[in-house]
Amino acid sequence: MTYIWINPVVEQMYEEYVLDQFLKRHGLERVRCRTDWGRIVKEKYIRLITEGGETVMDARCPMACGLVKEWAEDKSSCENSGPLKVNEQMEGYSMKIADIEPILIHCAREICSRQELKDGRKIITTPCQALADMGNSLKLYNTRFFSWNSFLETLGERPEGNVPEFSPIPPGFFRELGQRTMSLTGRESIEQCVQDGSWQRVRLVEMLYCRDGCHNGDGVVTDEA
């Protein structure tokens, strides 16, 4: 048996019946999480910004985290022994990238650990290649991560649907935390924030590499869309 977890962006691209029939036709059984990992991840960020004094940089998007790490390494006045780790406070700056895995990775860990699914192959779909690469680097047992586009290429077929106009988890995820936050989407706005120091005015910076959200990720957007 092959189980498949569909990420929220892909879920919005199709009518439920169309997607379910497509998956069944390819011998795939859809599974869903039992835990509200979005809520749990948000609670982890609340604890993080409450316990420390640094500005916390959102770690849900690996591409955005990469931009911040590049900036910190370029600005560092001393030689680093190696690449900055995700949970390492950046020397000379009162910021840190949260040591909190993306919601999608939390979901994948649940699917991977479920006893009733242990004997089957697990497929986790992502809205971008960066999240797929991050997931595969974890080497979860009998679990593979694919961007939706690359997964459809392996099937040789694409169901009829449309890329959603809005992200199912839109910018502003942290707006209700009761703390000063900043929401950034797109490479240019993230680079400007870290370069001009505006991150210092807030306790948490939300960062999404794709403009306006994950529905514009390279794993779901097509030339036809």
Protein backbone atom coordinates (compact mmCIF):
# COMPACT_ATOMS: atom_id res chain seq x y z
CA MET A 1 0.00 0.00 0.00
CA THR A 2 1.17 3.51 -0.80
CA TYR A 3 -0.16 6.33 1.35
CA ILE A 4 -0.08 9.96 0.31
CA TRP A 5 -0.40 13.16 2.32
CA ILE A 6 -1.62 16.14 0.32
CA ASN A 7 -0.38 19.56 1.38
CA PRO A 8 -2.98 22.35 1.86
CA VAL A 9 -1.99 24.24 -1.30
CA VAL A 10 -2.55 21.20 -3.52
CA GLU A 11 -5.75 20.45 -1.64
CA GLN A 12 -7.16 23.80 -2.77
CA MET A 13 -6.24 23.22 -6.40
CA TYR A 14 -8.89 20.57 -7.05
CA GLU A 15 -12.42 19.61 -6.27
CA GLU A 16 -12.25 16.92 -3.59
CA TYR A 17 -13.94 14.30 -5.76
CA VAL A 18 -11.57 14.95 -8.68
CA LEU A 19 -8.50 14.65 -6.50
CA ASP A 20 -9.72 11.53 -4.66
CA GLN A 21 -10.56 9.74 -7.91
CA PHE A 22 -7.20 10.68 -9.39
CA LEU A 23 -5.35 9.27 -6.39
CA LYS A 24 -7.40 6.06 -6.37
CA ARG A 25 -6.76 5.55 -10.07
CA HIS A 26 -3.05 5.49 -9.30
CA GLY A 27 -3.38 3.15 -6.32
CA LEU A 28 -2.78 5.84 -3.71
CA GLU A 29 -4.58 6.03 -0.39
CA ARG A 30 -4.90 9.52 0.99
CA VAL A 31 -4.14 10.06 4.68
CA ARG A 32 -4.67 13.10 6.87
CA CYS A 33 -3.12 14.28 10.11
CA ARG A 34 -4.98 13.79 13.36
CA THR A 35 -3.15 16.59 15.14
CA ASP A 36 -3.49 20.32 14.50
CA TRP A 37 0.18 20.95 13.81
CA GLY A 38 -0.45 24.55 12.75
CA ARG A 39 -1.69 25.34 16.25
CA ILE A 40 1.20 23.48 17.89
CA VAL A 41 3.82 25.22 15.76
CA LYS A 42 2.30 28.60 16.60
CA GLU A 43 2.45 27.73 20.32
CA LYS A 44 6.15 26.84 19.94
CA TYR A 45 6.82 30.29 18.50
CA ILE A 46 4.92 31.93 21.35
CA ARG A 47 7.14 30.13 23.88
CA LEU A 48 10.27 31.03 21.95
CA ILE A 49 9.64 34.76 21.79
CA THR A 50 8.45 34.79 25.41
CA GLU A 51 11.57 33.11 26.78
CA GLY A 52 14.24 35.04 24.88
CA GLY A 53 15.10 38.62 24.06
CA GLU A 54 16.22 38.19 20.47
CA THR A 55 14.23 38.86 17.36
CA VAL A 56 13.02 35.48 16.12
CA MET A 57 13.16 34.79 12.40
CA ASP A 58 10.44 32.46 11.09
CA ALA A 59 11.85 29.05 10.07
CA ARG A 60 8.84 27.62 8.20
CA CYS A 61 10.33 28.45 4.79
CA PRO A 62 13.79 26.97 4.06
CA MET A 63 14.44 29.36 1.17
CA ALA A 64 13.77 32.40 3.37
CA CYS A 65 16.02 31.01 6.11
CA GLY A 66 18.75 30.58 3.53
CA LEU A 67 18.62 34.28 2.66
CA VAL A 68 19.03 35.30 6.30
CA LYS A 69 21.94 32.91 6.82
CA GLU A 70 23.68 34.24 3.71
CA TRP A 71 23.28 37.79 4.96
CA ALA A 72 24.61 36.95 8.43
CA GLU A 73 27.63 35.16 7.00
CA ASP A 74 28.40 38.01 4.64
CA LYS A 75 28.17 40.55 7.47
CA SER A 76 30.18 38.59 9.99
CA SER A 77 33.49 40.29 10.79
CA CYS A 78 35.10 37.07 11.96
CA GLU A 79 35.65 33.75 10.26
CA ASN A 80 32.98 31.16 10.89
CA SER A 81 33.98 27.58 11.58
CA GLY A 82 31.15 26.48 9.30
CA PRO A 83 27.65 27.39 8.13
CA LEU A 84 25.38 28.91 10.75
CA LYS A 85 23.04 26.39 12.30
CA VAL A 86 19.32 27.03 12.30
CA ASN A 87 19.18 27.50 16.09
CA GLU A 88 22.38 29.49 16.47
CA GLN A 89 22.25 33.12 17.55
CA MET A 90 24.09 35.10 14.90
CA GLU A 91 27.20 36.68 16.33
CA GLY A 92 26.91 40.43 16.57
CA TYR A 93 23.16 40.45 15.95
CA SER A 94 20.29 40.02 18.41
CA MET A 95 18.37 37.69 16.12
CA LYS A 96 18.05 33.98 15.71
CA ILE A 97 16.37 31.66 13.26
CA ALA A 98 13.82 29.59 15.14
CA ASP A 99 14.79 25.98 15.82
CA ILE A 100 11.25 24.92 14.89
CA GLU A 101 10.50 22.67 11.95
CA PRO A 102 7.94 23.75 9.34
CA ILE A 103 4.33 22.64 9.81
CA LEU A 104 4.66 20.31 6.83
CA ILE A 105 7.58 18.48 8.48
CA HIS A 106 5.59 18.07 11.68
CA CYS A 107 2.80 16.55 9.59
CA ALA A 108 5.22 14.19 7.86
CA ARG A 109 6.67 12.99 11.16
CA GLU A 110 3.17 12.09 12.35
CA ILE A 111 2.35 10.18 9.17
CA CYS A 112 5.69 8.37 9.31
CA SER A 113 5.17 7.32 12.95
CA ARG A 114 1.57 6.09 12.71
CA GLN A 115 1.43 2.39 13.56
CA GLU A 116 -1.41 1.58 11.16
CA LEU A 117 0.66 3.00 8.29
CA LYS A 118 3.99 1.44 9.23
CA ASP A 119 4.00 -1.26 6.55
CA GLY A 120 3.20 1.07 3.64
CA ARG A 121 5.19 3.50 1.59
CA LYS A 122 4.51 7.13 2.49
CA ILE A 123 4.53 10.05 0.06
CA ILE A 124 4.49 13.64 1.34
CA THR A 125 3.66 16.32 -1.22
CA THR A 126 5.08 19.83 -0.95
CA PRO A 127 4.37 23.18 -2.64
CA CYS A 128 8.07 23.74 -3.40
CA GLN A 129 11.24 21.81 -4.11
CA ALA A 130 13.04 23.31 -1.11
CA LEU A 131 10.61 21.69 1.34
CA ALA A 132 10.87 18.39 -0.52
CA ASP A 133 14.67 18.52 -0.26
CA MET A 134 14.46 19.40 3.43
CA GLY A 135 12.10 16.52 4.10
CA ASN A 136 14.16 13.96 2.19
CA SER A 137 17.29 15.03 4.08
CA LEU A 138 15.64 13.73 7.27
CA LYS A 139 15.54 10.19 5.83
CA LEU A 140 12.26 9.33 7.53
CA TYR A 141 11.53 5.61 7.34
CA ASN A 142 9.81 4.50 4.13
CA THR A 143 8.87 8.13 3.41
CA ARG A 144 9.60 10.26 0.36
CA PHE A 145 8.89 13.95 -0.22
CA PHE A 146 7.95 15.25 -3.66
CA SER A 147 6.94 18.65 -4.89
CA TRP A 148 3.48 18.24 -6.41
CA ASN A 149 4.72 19.02 -9.92
CA SER A 150 7.55 16.50 -9.74
CA PHE A 151 5.20 13.87 -8.34
CA LEU A 152 2.77 14.36 -11.23
CA GLU A 153 5.67 13.94 -13.63
CA THR A 154 6.32 10.48 -12.18
CA LEU A 155 2.66 9.60 -12.78
CA GLY A 156 2.59 11.01 -16.30
CA GLU A 157 -0.80 12.56 -15.74
CA ARG A 158 -2.19 15.79 -14.31
CA PRO A 159 -5.71 16.14 -12.86
CA GLU A 160 -7.84 19.07 -13.95
CA GLY A 161 -7.51 21.93 -11.50
CA ASN A 162 -6.21 25.46 -10.91
CA VAL A 163 -3.56 27.05 -8.76
CA PRO A 164 -5.39 28.90 -5.94
CA GLU A 165 -5.34 32.69 -5.94
CA PHE A 166 -4.62 32.80 -2.20
CA SER A 167 -2.52 30.69 0.12
CA PRO A 168 -4.40 28.41 2.57
CA ILE A 169 -1.89 29.61 5.18
CA PRO A 170 -1.61 33.26 4.14
CA PRO A 171 0.91 35.85 5.33
CA GLY A 172 -0.05 36.99 8.81
CA PHE A 173 0.17 33.57 10.49
CA PHE A 174 1.66 35.17 13.62
CA ARG A 175 -0.47 38.32 13.68
CA GLU A 176 -2.52 37.31 16.71
CA LEU A 177 0.40 36.44 19.00
CA GLY A 178 0.14 39.64 21.01
CA GLN A 179 3.72 40.60 20.12
CA ARG A 180 5.27 42.98 17.60
CA THR A 181 5.57 41.05 14.37
CA MET A 182 6.48 41.73 10.75
CA SER A 183 5.24 39.75 7.75
CA LEU A 184 7.43 39.52 4.65
CA THR A 185 6.94 37.71 1.35
CA GLY A 186 9.27 37.67 -1.63
CA ARG A 187 13.05 37.64 -1.81
CA GLU A 188 13.40 41.41 -2.17
CA SER A 189 11.42 42.29 0.96
CA ILE A 190 13.33 39.76 3.09
CA GLU A 191 16.69 41.03 1.86
CA GLN A 192 15.68 44.65 2.49
CA CYS A 193 14.52 43.83 6.03
CA VAL A 194 17.78 42.20 7.09
CA GLN A 195 19.90 44.84 5.36
CA ASP A 196 18.17 47.94 6.71
CA GLY A 197 17.80 46.58 10.24
CA SER A 198 14.02 46.95 10.39
CA TRP A 199 13.85 43.47 11.96
CA GLN A 200 15.17 45.02 15.16
CA ARG A 201 11.83 46.79 15.73
CA VAL A 202 9.86 43.56 16.17
CA ARG A 203 9.96 40.34 18.18
CA LEU A 204 9.21 37.99 15.29
CA VAL A 205 9.66 38.24 11.53
CA GLU A 206 7.44 36.05 9.36
CA MET A 207 9.26 35.14 6.14
CA LEU A 208 7.92 33.46 3.00
CA TYR A 209 10.23 33.35 0.00
CA CYS A 210 7.41 33.09 -2.54
CA ARG A 211 5.48 36.29 -3.16
CA ASP A 212 2.18 36.32 -1.20
CA GLY A 213 2.58 32.74 0.02
CA CYS A 214 3.22 29.09 -0.75
CA HIS A 215 0.59 28.91 -3.50
CA ASN A 216 3.22 30.55 -5.70
CA GLY A 217 5.79 27.85 -4.93
CA ASP A 218 7.77 26.23 -7.74
CA GLY A 219 6.21 22.88 -6.84
CA VAL A 220 2.68 23.91 -7.77
CA VAL A 221 2.91 26.77 -10.28
CA THR A 222 3.03 25.68 -13.93
CA ASP A 223 3.66 27.46 -17.20
CA GLU A 224 0.00 26.93 -18.03
CA ALA A 225 -1.24 28.46 -14.77
